[in-house]
Amino acid sequence: WAVASTEVAIGTPVMSIGHPDGLPRKYAGDAQVKEVMQSGTDAFRFSTNVDAFVGSSGSGVFDMSGEMVGILINGNRDYDDKGCAITYPQEQGREWATGAKLLLPYSSFPSPLAPSPPP
């Protein structure tokens, strides 16, 4: 995977992959960037209508080329106090993500799963 070196713009199509609420895997697509805040700073973040669930914080947000453009940090409530699902149209969804370019200094490290060279 690659980390985007630029900020996403409003209207950029995005998707996320995560493991929320104990689910094995959740793909959420058919979404776009709805708002950007603090552009040009380390505090850059954006909102999207990606249909992520509670527990998805830390999941990657990707553009359609597969570049990681953000990391989910906050979103709408998915359940009420009794555990019942709260539903709303996707266009009203608001999941917040930080910009992924802050990860660039770390993206050149070898994978921790890479096999060790033979002795």
N, C-alpha and C. Protein backbone atom coordinates (compact mmCIF):
# COMPACT_ATOMS: atom_id res chain seq x y z
N TRP A 1 0.83 -1.18 0.00
CA TRP A 1 0.00 0.00 0.00
C TRP A 1 0.87 1.23 0.00
N ALA A 2 0.33 2.35 -0.41
CA ALA A 2 1.06 3.60 -0.44
C ALA A 2 0.30 4.64 0.38
N VAL A 3 1.04 5.56 0.96
CA VAL A 3 0.45 6.65 1.72
C VAL A 3 0.45 7.88 0.82
N ALA A 4 -0.71 8.52 0.71
CA ALA A 4 -0.83 9.72 -0.12
C ALA A 4 0.03 10.84 0.46
N SER A 5 0.73 11.55 -0.39
CA SER A 5 1.58 12.65 0.07
C SER A 5 0.85 14.00 0.00
N THR A 6 -0.38 13.99 -0.46
CA THR A 6 -1.17 15.22 -0.56
C THR A 6 -2.48 15.04 0.20
N GLU A 7 -3.14 16.15 0.44
CA GLU A 7 -4.43 16.12 1.13
C GLU A 7 -5.53 15.80 0.12
N VAL A 8 -6.59 15.15 0.59
CA VAL A 8 -7.73 14.88 -0.28
C VAL A 8 -8.59 16.14 -0.39
N ALA A 9 -9.31 16.23 -1.47
CA ALA A 9 -10.19 17.37 -1.71
C ALA A 9 -11.65 16.96 -1.55
N ILE A 10 -12.49 17.92 -1.31
CA ILE A 10 -13.93 17.67 -1.25
C ILE A 10 -14.36 17.01 -2.55
N GLY A 11 -15.17 15.96 -2.41
CA GLY A 11 -15.67 15.23 -3.57
C GLY A 11 -14.85 14.01 -3.95
N THR A 12 -13.66 13.85 -3.35
CA THR A 12 -12.83 12.68 -3.66
C THR A 12 -13.54 11.40 -3.23
N PRO A 13 -13.71 10.42 -4.13
CA PRO A 13 -14.31 9.14 -3.73
C PRO A 13 -13.35 8.39 -2.79
N VAL A 14 -13.90 7.82 -1.71
CA VAL A 14 -13.09 7.09 -0.72
C VAL A 14 -13.82 5.84 -0.25
N MET A 15 -13.04 4.95 0.39
CA MET A 15 -13.58 3.75 1.02
C MET A 15 -12.72 3.43 2.23
N SER A 16 -13.24 2.57 3.10
CA SER A 16 -12.45 2.16 4.27
C SER A 16 -12.56 0.66 4.47
N ILE A 17 -11.60 0.13 5.19
CA ILE A 17 -11.59 -1.28 5.57
C ILE A 17 -11.29 -1.31 7.06
N GLY A 18 -12.10 -2.02 7.82
CA GLY A 18 -11.86 -2.09 9.25
C GLY A 18 -12.43 -3.35 9.86
N HIS A 19 -12.26 -3.46 11.17
CA HIS A 19 -12.75 -4.61 11.95
C HIS A 19 -13.55 -4.07 13.14
N PRO A 20 -14.67 -3.41 12.88
CA PRO A 20 -15.42 -2.77 13.97
C PRO A 20 -16.23 -3.75 14.80
N ASP A 21 -16.35 -3.43 16.05
CA ASP A 21 -17.29 -4.14 16.92
C ASP A 21 -17.14 -5.66 16.88
N GLY A 22 -15.93 -6.15 16.68
CA GLY A 22 -15.70 -7.59 16.66
C GLY A 22 -16.04 -8.28 15.35
N LEU A 23 -16.43 -7.52 14.33
CA LEU A 23 -16.71 -8.12 13.02
C LEU A 23 -15.40 -8.55 12.37
N PRO A 24 -15.43 -9.59 11.56
CA PRO A 24 -14.19 -10.05 10.94
C PRO A 24 -13.60 -9.02 9.97
N ARG A 25 -14.42 -8.35 9.19
CA ARG A 25 -13.93 -7.31 8.28
C ARG A 25 -15.13 -6.58 7.71
N LYS A 26 -15.00 -5.26 7.57
CA LYS A 26 -16.06 -4.46 6.97
C LYS A 26 -15.45 -3.55 5.92
N TYR A 27 -15.92 -3.72 4.69
CA TYR A 27 -15.56 -2.80 3.61
C TYR A 27 -16.68 -1.77 3.53
N ALA A 28 -16.32 -0.51 3.44
CA ALA A 28 -17.31 0.54 3.30
C ALA A 28 -16.88 1.45 2.16
N GLY A 29 -17.66 1.49 1.13
CA GLY A 29 -17.31 2.30 -0.04
C GLY A 29 -18.46 3.17 -0.46
N ASP A 30 -18.46 3.54 -1.74
CA ASP A 30 -19.49 4.38 -2.31
C ASP A 30 -19.65 5.66 -1.48
N ALA A 31 -18.52 6.26 -1.13
CA ALA A 31 -18.51 7.45 -0.28
C ALA A 31 -17.58 8.50 -0.87
N GLN A 32 -17.63 9.67 -0.30
CA GLN A 32 -16.75 10.74 -0.75
C GLN A 32 -16.41 11.68 0.39
N VAL A 33 -15.37 12.48 0.18
CA VAL A 33 -14.97 13.50 1.15
C VAL A 33 -16.01 14.61 1.10
N LYS A 34 -16.55 14.97 2.26
CA LYS A 34 -17.61 15.97 2.34
C LYS A 34 -17.12 17.33 2.82
N GLU A 35 -16.07 17.34 3.65
CA GLU A 35 -15.59 18.60 4.25
C GLU A 35 -14.12 18.43 4.60
N VAL A 36 -13.34 19.50 4.50
CA VAL A 36 -11.95 19.47 4.95
C VAL A 36 -11.76 20.58 5.96
N MET A 37 -10.88 20.34 6.92
CA MET A 37 -10.59 21.33 7.96
C MET A 37 -9.09 21.43 8.16
N GLN A 38 -8.63 22.61 8.45
CA GLN A 38 -7.24 22.93 8.77
C GLN A 38 -6.27 22.43 7.69
N SER A 39 -6.65 22.69 6.45
CA SER A 39 -5.81 22.31 5.32
C SER A 39 -4.44 22.96 5.42
N GLY A 40 -3.41 22.22 5.03
CA GLY A 40 -2.05 22.74 5.05
C GLY A 40 -1.35 22.67 6.39
N THR A 41 -2.01 22.07 7.39
CA THR A 41 -1.40 21.95 8.72
C THR A 41 -1.32 20.47 9.12
N ASP A 42 -0.56 20.19 10.18
CA ASP A 42 -0.50 18.83 10.71
C ASP A 42 -1.83 18.40 11.32
N ALA A 43 -2.72 19.36 11.58
CA ALA A 43 -4.03 19.05 12.15
C ALA A 43 -5.09 18.81 11.07
N PHE A 44 -4.67 18.71 9.79
CA PHE A 44 -5.61 18.48 8.70
C PHE A 44 -6.48 17.27 8.98
N ARG A 45 -7.77 17.43 8.75
CA ARG A 45 -8.70 16.30 8.86
C ARG A 45 -9.84 16.53 7.88
N PHE A 46 -10.58 15.48 7.64
CA PHE A 46 -11.69 15.58 6.71
C PHE A 46 -12.85 14.71 7.17
N SER A 47 -14.04 15.06 6.71
CA SER A 47 -15.20 14.22 6.99
C SER A 47 -15.61 13.53 5.70
N THR A 48 -16.22 12.37 5.88
CA THR A 48 -16.67 11.57 4.76
C THR A 48 -17.97 10.88 5.15
N ASN A 49 -18.73 10.47 4.17
CA ASN A 49 -19.95 9.73 4.45
C ASN A 49 -19.74 8.23 4.33
N VAL A 50 -18.49 7.77 4.48
CA VAL A 50 -18.20 6.33 4.47
C VAL A 50 -18.99 5.68 5.61
N ASP A 51 -19.55 4.51 5.36
CA ASP A 51 -20.41 3.84 6.33
C ASP A 51 -19.60 2.96 7.27
N ALA A 52 -18.80 3.58 8.12
CA ALA A 52 -17.99 2.85 9.10
C ALA A 52 -18.81 2.66 10.38
N PHE A 53 -18.49 1.64 11.14
CA PHE A 53 -19.18 1.37 12.40
C PHE A 53 -18.31 1.79 13.58
N VAL A 54 -18.96 1.91 14.74
CA VAL A 54 -18.24 2.18 15.98
C VAL A 54 -17.17 1.10 16.14
N GLY A 55 -16.01 1.49 16.61
CA GLY A 55 -14.90 0.56 16.74
C GLY A 55 -13.99 0.55 15.53
N SER A 56 -14.28 1.41 14.56
CA SER A 56 -13.46 1.47 13.34
C SER A 56 -12.30 2.45 13.46
N SER A 57 -12.22 3.18 14.55
CA SER A 57 -11.13 4.15 14.70
C SER A 57 -9.79 3.47 14.49
N GLY A 58 -8.94 4.12 13.73
CA GLY A 58 -7.63 3.56 13.40
C GLY A 58 -7.62 2.86 12.06
N SER A 59 -8.80 2.62 11.48
CA SER A 59 -8.88 1.99 10.17
C SER A 59 -8.45 2.96 9.09
N GLY A 60 -7.90 2.42 8.02
CA GLY A 60 -7.47 3.25 6.91
C GLY A 60 -8.62 3.71 6.03
N VAL A 61 -8.47 4.91 5.48
CA VAL A 61 -9.38 5.44 4.47
C VAL A 61 -8.56 5.55 3.20
N PHE A 62 -9.08 5.01 2.10
CA PHE A 62 -8.33 4.91 0.85
C PHE A 62 -9.07 5.60 -0.28
N ASP A 63 -8.29 6.17 -1.21
CA ASP A 63 -8.92 6.68 -2.43
C ASP A 63 -9.09 5.51 -3.39
N MET A 64 -9.65 5.75 -4.55
CA MET A 64 -9.97 4.65 -5.45
C MET A 64 -8.74 4.07 -6.16
N SER A 65 -7.58 4.73 -6.03
CA SER A 65 -6.35 4.16 -6.58
C SER A 65 -5.67 3.25 -5.56
N GLY A 66 -6.22 3.19 -4.34
CA GLY A 66 -5.65 2.35 -3.29
C GLY A 66 -4.68 3.07 -2.38
N GLU A 67 -4.48 4.37 -2.59
CA GLU A 67 -3.60 5.12 -1.68
C GLU A 67 -4.33 5.39 -0.37
N MET A 68 -3.61 5.26 0.73
CA MET A 68 -4.18 5.59 2.04
C MET A 68 -4.18 7.10 2.18
N VAL A 69 -5.38 7.69 2.33
CA VAL A 69 -5.50 9.14 2.43
C VAL A 69 -5.88 9.61 3.83
N GLY A 70 -6.28 8.67 4.70
CA GLY A 70 -6.67 9.08 6.04
C GLY A 70 -6.80 7.91 6.98
N ILE A 71 -7.02 8.24 8.25
CA ILE A 71 -7.23 7.27 9.32
C ILE A 71 -8.49 7.69 10.07
N LEU A 72 -9.47 6.79 10.18
CA LEU A 72 -10.72 7.12 10.87
C LEU A 72 -10.44 7.45 12.34
N ILE A 73 -11.07 8.53 12.81
CA ILE A 73 -10.88 8.93 14.21
C ILE A 73 -12.17 9.14 14.98
N ASN A 74 -13.30 9.36 14.29
CA ASN A 74 -14.54 9.67 14.99
C ASN A 74 -15.70 9.54 14.01
N GLY A 75 -16.90 9.30 14.52
CA GLY A 75 -18.04 9.20 13.63
C GLY A 75 -19.37 9.26 14.34
N ASN A 76 -20.42 9.07 13.54
CA ASN A 76 -21.78 9.06 14.07
C ASN A 76 -22.00 7.84 14.97
N ARG A 77 -22.94 7.94 15.88
CA ARG A 77 -23.32 6.80 16.72
C ARG A 77 -24.01 5.76 15.86
N ASP A 78 -23.71 4.51 16.11
CA ASP A 78 -24.34 3.41 15.37
C ASP A 78 -25.37 2.67 16.20
N TYR A 79 -25.31 2.83 17.52
CA TYR A 79 -26.21 2.12 18.43
C TYR A 79 -26.69 3.07 19.51
N ASP A 80 -27.94 2.85 19.95
CA ASP A 80 -28.44 3.65 21.07
C ASP A 80 -28.01 3.00 22.39
N ASP A 81 -28.45 3.56 23.50
CA ASP A 81 -28.03 3.06 24.82
C ASP A 81 -28.51 1.64 25.10
N LYS A 82 -29.49 1.15 24.35
CA LYS A 82 -30.00 -0.21 24.54
C LYS A 82 -29.39 -1.20 23.55
N GLY A 83 -28.45 -0.73 22.71
CA GLY A 83 -27.80 -1.61 21.75
C GLY A 83 -28.54 -1.75 20.43
N CYS A 84 -29.59 -0.97 20.23
CA CYS A 84 -30.34 -1.02 18.97
C CYS A 84 -29.66 -0.13 17.93
N ALA A 85 -29.64 -0.60 16.71
CA ALA A 85 -28.98 0.15 15.62
C ALA A 85 -29.69 1.47 15.36
N ILE A 86 -28.89 2.49 15.11
CA ILE A 86 -29.40 3.79 14.68
C ILE A 86 -29.12 3.87 13.18
N THR A 87 -30.14 4.10 12.39
CA THR A 87 -29.94 4.17 10.95
C THR A 87 -30.21 5.59 10.46
N TYR A 88 -29.55 5.95 9.39
CA TYR A 88 -29.72 7.25 8.76
C TYR A 88 -29.24 7.11 7.32
N PRO A 89 -29.72 7.97 6.42
CA PRO A 89 -29.25 7.89 5.03
C PRO A 89 -27.75 8.14 4.96
N GLN A 90 -27.07 7.44 4.05
CA GLN A 90 -25.61 7.56 3.94
C GLN A 90 -25.18 9.01 3.74
N GLU A 91 -25.94 9.78 3.01
CA GLU A 91 -25.57 11.18 2.78
C GLU A 91 -25.50 11.98 4.08
N GLN A 92 -26.17 11.52 5.12
CA GLN A 92 -26.12 12.22 6.41
C GLN A 92 -25.00 11.70 7.29
N GLY A 93 -24.29 10.69 6.84
CA GLY A 93 -23.18 10.14 7.61
C GLY A 93 -22.04 11.13 7.74
N ARG A 94 -21.36 11.10 8.87
CA ARG A 94 -20.22 11.98 9.10
C ARG A 94 -19.17 11.23 9.89
N GLU A 95 -18.22 10.66 9.19
CA GLU A 95 -17.08 10.01 9.83
C GLU A 95 -15.88 10.92 9.62
N TRP A 96 -15.10 11.16 10.66
CA TRP A 96 -13.94 12.04 10.57
C TRP A 96 -12.66 11.23 10.47
N ALA A 97 -11.72 11.76 9.69
CA ALA A 97 -10.43 11.10 9.50
C ALA A 97 -9.32 12.14 9.53
N THR A 98 -8.16 11.75 10.04
CA THR A 98 -6.97 12.59 9.93
C THR A 98 -6.34 12.32 8.57
N GLY A 99 -5.52 13.24 8.11
CA GLY A 99 -4.79 13.02 6.87
C GLY A 99 -3.70 11.98 7.07
N ALA A 100 -3.52 11.12 6.09
CA ALA A 100 -2.54 10.04 6.22
C ALA A 100 -1.12 10.49 5.96
N LYS A 101 -0.92 11.68 5.40
CA LYS A 101 0.44 12.07 5.05
C LYS A 101 1.35 12.20 6.27
N LEU A 102 0.76 12.29 7.47
CA LEU A 102 1.58 12.30 8.69
C LEU A 102 2.30 10.97 8.87
N LEU A 103 1.83 9.92 8.18
CA LEU A 103 2.48 8.60 8.27
C LEU A 103 3.68 8.47 7.34
N LEU A 104 3.88 9.42 6.43
CA LEU A 104 4.95 9.29 5.44
C LEU A 104 6.32 9.02 6.04
N PRO A 105 6.72 9.67 7.15
CA PRO A 105 8.04 9.36 7.71
C PRO A 105 8.19 7.90 8.14
N TYR A 106 7.08 7.22 8.39
CA TYR A 106 7.12 5.85 8.86
C TYR A 106 6.87 4.83 7.75
N SER A 107 6.49 5.29 6.58
CA SER A 107 6.08 4.36 5.51
C SER A 107 7.25 3.66 4.84
N SER A 108 8.49 4.06 5.13
CA SER A 108 9.62 3.40 4.49
C SER A 108 10.26 2.33 5.38
N PHE A 109 9.72 2.12 6.58
CA PHE A 109 10.24 1.07 7.45
C PHE A 109 9.87 -0.29 6.87
N PRO A 110 10.72 -1.30 7.06
CA PRO A 110 10.35 -2.64 6.58
C PRO A 110 9.15 -3.17 7.36
N SER A 111 8.38 -3.99 6.72
CA SER A 111 7.21 -4.58 7.34
C SER A 111 7.64 -5.48 8.50
N PRO A 112 6.93 -5.43 9.63
CA PRO A 112 7.28 -6.32 10.75
C PRO A 112 7.03 -7.79 10.41
N LEU A 113 6.26 -8.04 9.34
CA LEU A 113 5.98 -9.41 8.94
C LEU A 113 6.95 -9.92 7.89
N ALA A 114 7.89 -9.06 7.47
CA ALA A 114 8.85 -9.47 6.46
C ALA A 114 9.74 -10.57 7.03
N PRO A 115 10.01 -11.60 6.24
CA PRO A 115 10.86 -12.68 6.75
C PRO A 115 12.30 -12.17 6.97
N SER A 116 12.93 -12.71 7.98
CA SER A 116 14.33 -12.37 8.25
C SER A 116 15.22 -13.07 7.22
N PRO A 117 16.30 -12.40 6.83
CA PRO A 117 17.22 -13.06 5.91
C PRO A 117 17.89 -14.26 6.58
N PRO A 118 18.23 -15.28 5.82
CA PRO A 118 18.89 -16.43 6.43
C PRO A 118 20.25 -16.06 6.99
N PRO A 119 20.70 -16.75 8.05
CA PRO A 119 22.00 -16.41 8.67
C PRO A 119 23.18 -16.76 7.76
